Protein backbone atom coordinates (compact mmCIF):
# COMPACT_ATOMS: atom_id res chain seq x y z
CA MET A 1 39.72 61.91 -137.58
CA ASN A 2 37.52 59.70 -139.75
CA ASP A 3 37.75 56.87 -137.25
CA LEU A 4 37.04 58.93 -134.12
CA LYS A 5 33.77 58.09 -132.38
CA LEU A 6 31.76 60.80 -130.65
CA LYS A 7 31.83 58.88 -127.37
CA ASP A 8 35.64 59.11 -127.48
CA PHE A 9 35.70 62.84 -128.28
CA HIS A 10 36.71 64.80 -125.17
CA PRO A 11 37.47 68.41 -126.12
CA VAL A 12 39.56 70.56 -123.80
CA SER A 13 39.11 74.32 -123.93
CA ILE A 14 42.30 76.25 -124.70
CA TYR A 15 40.75 79.70 -124.27
CA LYS A 16 42.77 81.76 -121.80
CA THR A 17 39.75 83.06 -119.94
CA THR A 18 38.97 83.29 -116.24
CA GLN A 19 38.44 79.95 -114.55
CA VAL A 20 36.86 80.19 -111.09
CA ILE A 21 36.48 77.31 -108.68
CA ILE A 22 33.99 78.03 -105.89
CA ILE A 23 34.40 75.80 -102.87
CA LYS A 24 31.56 77.28 -100.82
CA ALA A 25 28.32 78.84 -102.01
CA ARG A 26 27.96 82.59 -101.62
CA TYR A 27 24.96 82.12 -99.32
CA PRO A 28 23.68 79.22 -97.19
CA VAL A 29 21.99 76.60 -99.37
CA ILE A 30 18.96 74.35 -98.97
CA ASP A 31 19.31 71.51 -101.46
CA PHE A 32 15.71 70.84 -102.49
CA HIS A 33 16.40 67.72 -104.54
CA SER A 34 18.62 64.91 -103.34
CA HIS A 35 18.22 61.23 -102.47
CA ASP A 36 19.26 58.57 -99.99
CA TYR A 37 22.76 57.99 -101.37
CA PRO A 38 24.82 56.87 -98.34
CA THR A 39 24.81 53.17 -97.50
CA SER A 40 26.11 53.54 -93.95
CA ASP A 41 26.26 55.88 -90.96
CA ALA A 42 29.83 56.71 -91.93
CA GLY A 43 28.57 57.72 -95.37
CA VAL A 44 26.05 60.10 -93.79
CA ASP A 45 28.78 61.57 -91.57
CA ALA A 46 31.01 62.15 -94.60
CA TRP A 47 28.15 63.80 -96.47
CA VAL A 48 27.49 66.20 -93.60
CA LYS A 49 31.17 67.16 -93.59
CA THR A 50 31.02 67.83 -97.33
CA MET A 51 27.83 69.86 -96.85
CA ASP A 52 29.57 71.95 -94.18
CA GLU A 53 32.47 72.68 -96.50
CA ALA A 54 30.19 73.57 -99.42
CA GLY A 55 27.75 75.69 -97.42
CA ILE A 56 24.77 73.33 -97.68
CA SER A 57 22.73 74.01 -94.57
CA LYS A 58 20.00 71.45 -95.25
CA THR A 59 19.23 68.71 -97.76
CA MET A 60 15.87 67.30 -98.80
CA ILE A 61 16.01 63.50 -99.05
CA LEU A 62 13.41 62.55 -101.66
CA SER A 63 12.97 58.94 -100.59
CA TYR A 64 9.77 58.21 -102.59
CA SER A 65 9.29 55.43 -100.02
CA THR A 66 6.51 54.25 -97.73
CA GLY A 67 6.24 51.60 -95.03
CA VAL A 68 9.40 50.07 -93.56
CA GLY A 69 11.47 51.55 -96.37
CA PHE A 70 10.52 55.07 -95.35
CA ASP A 71 11.07 54.25 -91.69
CA SER A 72 14.59 53.03 -92.42
CA VAL A 73 15.45 56.27 -94.20
CA VAL A 74 14.16 58.29 -91.24
CA ALA A 75 16.28 56.16 -88.89
CA LYS A 76 19.41 56.64 -91.02
CA TYR A 77 19.30 60.44 -90.80
CA LYS A 78 17.84 60.90 -87.30
CA ARG A 79 21.24 61.92 -85.90
CA TYR A 80 21.14 64.98 -88.16
CA LYS A 81 17.53 66.13 -87.95
CA GLU A 82 18.55 69.75 -88.51
CA ARG A 83 20.52 68.92 -91.65
CA PHE A 84 18.14 66.60 -93.51
CA ALA A 85 14.40 66.59 -94.18
CA ILE A 86 12.83 63.35 -95.37
CA TRP A 87 10.11 63.15 -98.03
CA CYS A 88 7.93 60.07 -98.48
CA GLY A 89 6.14 58.50 -101.44
CA PHE A 90 2.58 57.35 -101.99
CA ASP A 91 1.49 53.80 -101.24
CA TYR A 92 -0.13 52.60 -104.48
CA THR A 93 -0.89 49.09 -103.21
CA GLY A 94 -4.08 47.86 -104.88
CA HIS A 95 -4.44 50.94 -107.06
CA ASP A 96 -6.21 48.83 -109.65
CA LYS A 97 -9.06 48.27 -107.17
CA PRO A 98 -11.62 50.78 -105.84
CA GLY A 99 -10.97 52.43 -102.51
CA TRP A 100 -7.17 52.06 -102.45
CA GLN A 101 -6.82 55.73 -101.56
CA GLU A 102 -8.07 55.06 -98.03
CA HIS A 103 -5.00 53.09 -96.99
CA ALA A 104 -2.78 55.35 -99.09
CA ILE A 105 -3.95 58.40 -97.16
CA ALA A 106 -3.54 56.56 -93.87
CA GLU A 107 0.06 55.74 -94.78
CA LEU A 108 0.67 59.33 -95.87
CA GLU A 109 -0.57 60.53 -92.48
CA ARG A 110 1.63 57.99 -90.70
CA CYS A 111 4.70 59.10 -92.65
CA HIS A 112 3.87 62.71 -91.86
CA LYS A 113 3.76 61.90 -88.16
CA MET A 114 7.12 60.16 -88.58
CA GLY A 115 8.55 63.41 -89.92
CA ALA A 116 7.90 63.47 -93.67
CA VAL A 117 7.77 67.10 -94.79
CA GLY A 118 6.72 66.44 -98.39
CA VAL A 119 5.97 63.81 -101.02
CA GLY A 120 8.39 62.89 -103.74
CA GLU A 121 10.03 62.49 -105.94
CA LEU A 122 7.05 61.27 -107.94
CA GLY A 123 7.93 60.43 -111.52
CA ASP A 124 6.13 59.91 -114.80
CA LYS A 125 8.03 59.45 -118.04
CA GLY A 126 4.98 58.52 -120.05
CA LEU A 127 3.49 55.32 -118.68
CA GLY A 128 2.35 56.67 -115.35
CA GLU A 129 4.08 54.75 -112.59
CA LEU A 130 4.61 57.88 -110.45
CA TYR A 131 7.39 55.87 -108.94
CA SER A 132 7.17 55.16 -105.26
CA ARG A 133 8.57 52.32 -103.18
CA PRO A 134 7.75 49.52 -102.73
CA VAL A 135 4.70 49.74 -105.06
CA PRO A 136 4.70 52.07 -108.10
CA GLY A 137 1.47 53.51 -109.50
CA TYR A 138 1.77 51.98 -112.93
CA GLY A 139 -0.76 53.51 -115.34
CA LEU A 140 -1.58 56.50 -113.13
CA HIS A 141 -0.75 60.04 -114.18
CA ILE A 142 -0.66 62.92 -111.70
CA ASP A 143 -3.97 64.34 -112.97
CA ASP A 144 -5.84 61.03 -112.75
CA PRO A 145 -9.04 61.59 -110.71
CA GLN A 146 -7.88 58.79 -108.42
CA MET A 147 -4.96 60.97 -107.33
CA LYS A 148 -7.07 63.91 -106.17
CA PRO A 149 -7.81 62.64 -102.61
CA LEU A 150 -4.07 62.17 -102.04
CA LEU A 151 -3.17 65.58 -103.44
CA GLU A 152 -5.86 67.23 -101.34
CA LYS A 153 -4.52 65.49 -98.25
CA CYS A 154 -1.06 66.85 -99.08
CA ALA A 155 -2.53 70.36 -99.06
CA GLU A 156 -4.23 69.69 -95.74
CA LEU A 157 -0.97 68.43 -94.21
CA HIS A 158 1.06 71.25 -95.80
CA MET A 159 3.20 68.70 -97.66
CA PRO A 160 4.53 69.93 -101.03
CA VAL A 161 4.65 67.44 -103.90
CA SER A 162 7.87 67.07 -105.89
CA ILE A 163 7.21 65.54 -109.31
CA HIS A 164 9.30 64.64 -112.34
CA VAL A 165 7.31 64.59 -115.58
CA ALA A 166 8.71 63.76 -119.02
CA GLU A 167 12.32 64.22 -120.11
CA ASP A 168 13.94 67.08 -121.98
CA ALA A 169 13.29 67.47 -125.69
CA TRP A 170 16.60 65.93 -126.82
CA MET A 171 15.47 62.58 -125.41
CA TYR A 172 12.49 62.52 -127.79
CA LEU A 173 14.50 63.35 -130.89
CA ALA A 174 16.22 60.84 -133.13
CA ALA A 175 19.61 59.79 -131.73
CA ASP A 176 21.40 60.75 -134.93
CA SER A 177 23.84 63.29 -136.31
CA THR A 178 21.34 66.15 -135.95
CA ASN A 179 20.87 65.75 -132.18
CA ASP A 180 23.29 68.15 -130.49
CA GLY A 181 22.83 66.39 -127.16
CA LEU A 182 23.42 63.01 -128.75
CA MET A 183 25.27 61.00 -126.09
CA ASN A 184 23.01 62.02 -123.19
CA ALA A 185 19.95 61.94 -125.41
CA ALA A 186 20.71 58.35 -126.35
CA THR A 187 21.29 57.36 -122.72
CA TRP A 188 17.93 58.70 -121.61
CA LYS A 189 15.99 58.24 -124.84
CA VAL A 190 12.23 57.89 -124.45
CA ASP A 191 10.69 55.11 -126.54
CA LEU A 192 7.44 56.54 -127.86
CA SER A 193 6.57 53.24 -129.55
CA LYS A 194 5.44 51.79 -126.21
CA LYS A 195 1.70 51.29 -126.03
CA GLY A 196 -0.12 54.02 -124.15
CA ILE A 197 2.94 56.18 -123.53
CA LEU A 198 2.44 59.95 -123.36
CA ASN A 199 4.84 62.30 -125.11
CA HIS A 200 6.52 65.35 -123.60
CA ASP A 201 3.73 67.85 -124.23
CA GLN A 202 1.05 65.45 -123.04
CA LEU A 203 2.92 64.91 -119.78
CA ILE A 204 3.30 68.65 -119.24
CA ALA A 205 -0.46 68.86 -119.75
CA THR A 206 -1.05 66.30 -116.98
CA LEU A 207 1.08 68.40 -114.64
CA GLU A 208 -0.77 71.56 -115.56
CA HIS A 209 -4.14 69.89 -115.07
CA ALA A 210 -3.18 68.60 -111.62
CA VAL A 211 -1.80 72.00 -110.57
CA LYS A 212 -4.95 73.73 -111.80
CA GLU A 213 -7.34 71.28 -110.13
CA ASN A 214 -5.49 71.36 -106.80
CA PRO A 215 -4.82 75.06 -106.15
CA LYS A 216 -4.13 74.53 -102.43
CA THR A 217 -1.42 71.94 -103.09
CA ILE A 218 2.14 73.13 -103.65
CA PHE A 219 3.86 71.40 -106.59
CA ILE A 220 7.58 71.47 -107.33
CA ALA A 221 8.32 70.52 -110.94
CA CYS A 222 11.66 68.72 -110.88
CA HIS A 223 14.36 69.63 -113.39
CA LEU A 224 12.64 72.82 -114.59
CA ALA A 225 9.74 70.58 -115.69
CA ASN A 226 12.12 69.18 -118.32
CA CYS A 227 11.50 72.25 -120.45
CA CYS A 228 15.11 73.40 -120.67
CA SER A 229 15.06 73.78 -124.44
CA ASP A 230 11.94 75.98 -124.24
CA LEU A 231 11.63 77.68 -120.88
CA SER A 232 8.67 79.69 -122.17
CA VAL A 233 6.55 76.60 -121.45
CA LEU A 234 7.45 76.76 -117.77
CA ALA A 235 7.14 80.55 -117.81
CA ARG A 236 3.52 80.27 -118.93
CA LEU A 237 2.79 77.83 -116.12
CA PHE A 238 4.41 80.14 -113.58
CA ASP A 239 2.36 83.06 -114.89
CA THR A 240 -0.84 81.07 -114.56
CA TYR A 241 -0.48 79.00 -111.37
CA PRO A 242 0.84 80.49 -108.12
CA ASN A 243 1.06 77.04 -106.49
CA LEU A 244 3.73 75.80 -108.93
CA TRP A 245 7.48 75.98 -108.28
CA ALA A 246 10.42 74.26 -109.96
CA ASP A 247 13.84 72.96 -108.98
CA ILE A 248 16.93 73.18 -111.19
CA ALA A 249 18.37 69.82 -110.10
CA ALA A 250 20.47 67.86 -112.60
CA ARG A 251 19.82 70.32 -115.40
CA TYR A 252 22.96 72.44 -115.15
CA GLY A 253 24.33 70.82 -118.28
CA GLU A 254 21.20 71.81 -120.20
CA ILE A 255 20.94 75.44 -119.06
CA ALA A 256 24.62 76.47 -118.94
CA PRO A 257 25.15 76.40 -122.76
CA VAL A 258 22.65 79.29 -123.11
CA PRO A 259 23.56 81.64 -120.25
CA ARG A 260 21.83 84.84 -121.36
CA TYR A 261 18.57 83.04 -122.16
CA THR A 262 18.66 81.11 -118.90
CA LYS A 263 19.68 84.05 -116.73
CA ALA A 264 16.85 86.22 -118.08
CA PHE A 265 14.34 83.47 -117.26
CA MET A 266 15.73 82.80 -113.79
CA GLU A 267 15.92 86.44 -112.82
CA LYS A 268 12.33 87.03 -114.00
CA TYR A 269 11.02 84.05 -112.04
CA ALA A 270 13.38 84.42 -109.10
CA ASP A 271 10.54 83.81 -106.64
CA ARG A 272 9.59 80.42 -108.10
CA LEU A 273 12.84 78.47 -108.36
CA VAL A 274 14.77 76.38 -105.85
CA TYR A 275 18.26 74.95 -105.88
CA GLY A 276 18.72 71.19 -106.19
CA THR A 277 21.44 68.72 -107.12
CA ASP A 278 20.24 65.13 -107.70
CA MET A 279 23.82 64.18 -108.57
CA GLY A 280 25.28 62.44 -105.54
CA THR A 281 27.27 63.78 -102.59
CA SER A 282 30.74 64.67 -103.86
CA SER A 283 32.29 68.05 -103.11
CA ASP A 284 33.25 68.70 -106.74
CA MET A 285 29.61 68.19 -107.74
CA TYR A 286 28.57 71.09 -105.49
CA HIS A 287 31.50 73.17 -106.76
CA SER A 288 30.35 72.62 -110.33
CA THR A 289 26.84 73.91 -109.59
CA PHE A 290 28.18 77.01 -107.81
CA ARG A 291 30.51 77.77 -110.70
CA ILE A 292 27.65 77.65 -113.18
CA LEU A 293 25.31 79.74 -111.04
CA GLU A 294 27.70 82.34 -109.64
CA THR A 295 30.55 82.96 -112.08
CA GLU A 296 31.07 84.51 -115.51
CA ASP A 297 33.34 81.67 -116.65
CA GLU A 298 33.16 80.93 -120.37
CA HIS A 299 33.54 77.90 -122.60
CA PHE A 300 34.36 75.08 -120.18
CA TYR A 301 33.42 71.41 -120.31
CA GLU A 302 31.88 69.01 -117.80
CA GLN A 303 31.44 65.92 -119.99
CA ALA A 304 32.09 63.39 -117.25
CA ARG A 305 29.30 64.85 -115.14
CA PHE A 306 26.71 65.87 -117.73
CA ASN A 307 27.53 63.67 -120.74
CA TYR A 308 27.21 66.48 -123.28
CA HIS A 309 29.88 67.63 -125.73
CA TRP A 310 28.85 71.25 -125.70
CA PRO A 311 30.72 73.92 -123.69
CA LEU A 312 29.20 75.51 -120.60
CA TYR A 313 29.06 79.11 -119.39
CA GLY A 314 28.54 80.72 -116.00
CA LEU A 315 25.19 82.45 -115.46
CA ALA A 316 26.50 85.13 -113.07
CA LEU A 317 23.18 85.34 -111.27
CA SER A 318 22.49 88.41 -109.16
CA ASP A 319 22.88 88.34 -105.39
CA ASP A 320 19.13 88.74 -104.95
CA MET A 321 18.48 85.78 -107.26
CA LEU A 322 21.05 83.61 -105.49
CA LYS A 323 19.58 84.33 -102.06
CA LYS A 324 16.14 83.26 -103.23
CA LEU A 325 17.38 80.28 -105.19
CA TYR A 326 19.73 78.98 -102.50
CA ASN A 327 17.42 79.25 -99.50
CA GLY A 328 14.77 81.96 -99.56
CA ASN A 329 12.21 80.20 -101.73
CA ALA A 330 12.76 76.85 -100.04
CA GLY A 331 12.10 78.54 -96.71
CA LYS A 332 8.82 79.95 -97.99
CA ILE A 333 7.66 76.59 -99.30
CA LEU A 334 8.49 74.77 -96.07
CA GLY A 335 7.62 77.55 -93.65
CA TYR A 336 11.16 78.00 -92.33
């Protein structure tokens, strides 16, 4: 016992409770947060087969790409136009010089004509960057005045903006014996010693400012705005800004340990949340999300997928909540 390392600790639940494996979602699903994972046409074909089996009717490919990179993503999925929707990035070329927004808007319009339905995933973990390919917006935050022309154009083109700001609170805490999310927290730890980096609350403030200043633009805060440890922060934003939504992608491991707290939040804000994965294309990945959302299973582990040592619990969301989460809200955002 004294020599066992936490990274080698893999508890197995021995509780004789119900264990439900859900192969197909209760209702058709629009996955609002995925990426360009396949490396070949055969990979795309296999993914579509897996989607069929799991009940995923459509997947958003957040390419965060522009130029030839975006075009190549469009070409890869063109055989399945009804099953995939491609999102583009912003072209930040020359963003350190005045007037760069002109070509950025032109490229946004071109991507839109090519089929882009939204922009994302943008990302800011403290230093700006708002990652897009091939040129990131290093030093820019989403509420920078330079971003406003682009965000206004998104509203004009009816293109929602998917944005990842910050990380969850565990990643800002010391990676020591007091951090209950230690292994994952250490993997994704945010180094606040970097010059000019914004902390969690400051990044949430940039999101709020952008949402407030661009009321006609629809924003989707990825990963529950990385507020899983304190969903009241996101609740306040929902209460204040009708143009803000959030996806639950890749945060199942953070919300499943507190099922009553999470369920109460999700049921209250049922009209503002969308389903997402952000965890690859495997069938068991989808099954894991359905189990957490739909069942009442208790005290089970998913360490290999989520990298936490805490047990998970099913949320047992209501049918009305599941319908909205799985496809209803996504349809409203995209006009389906």
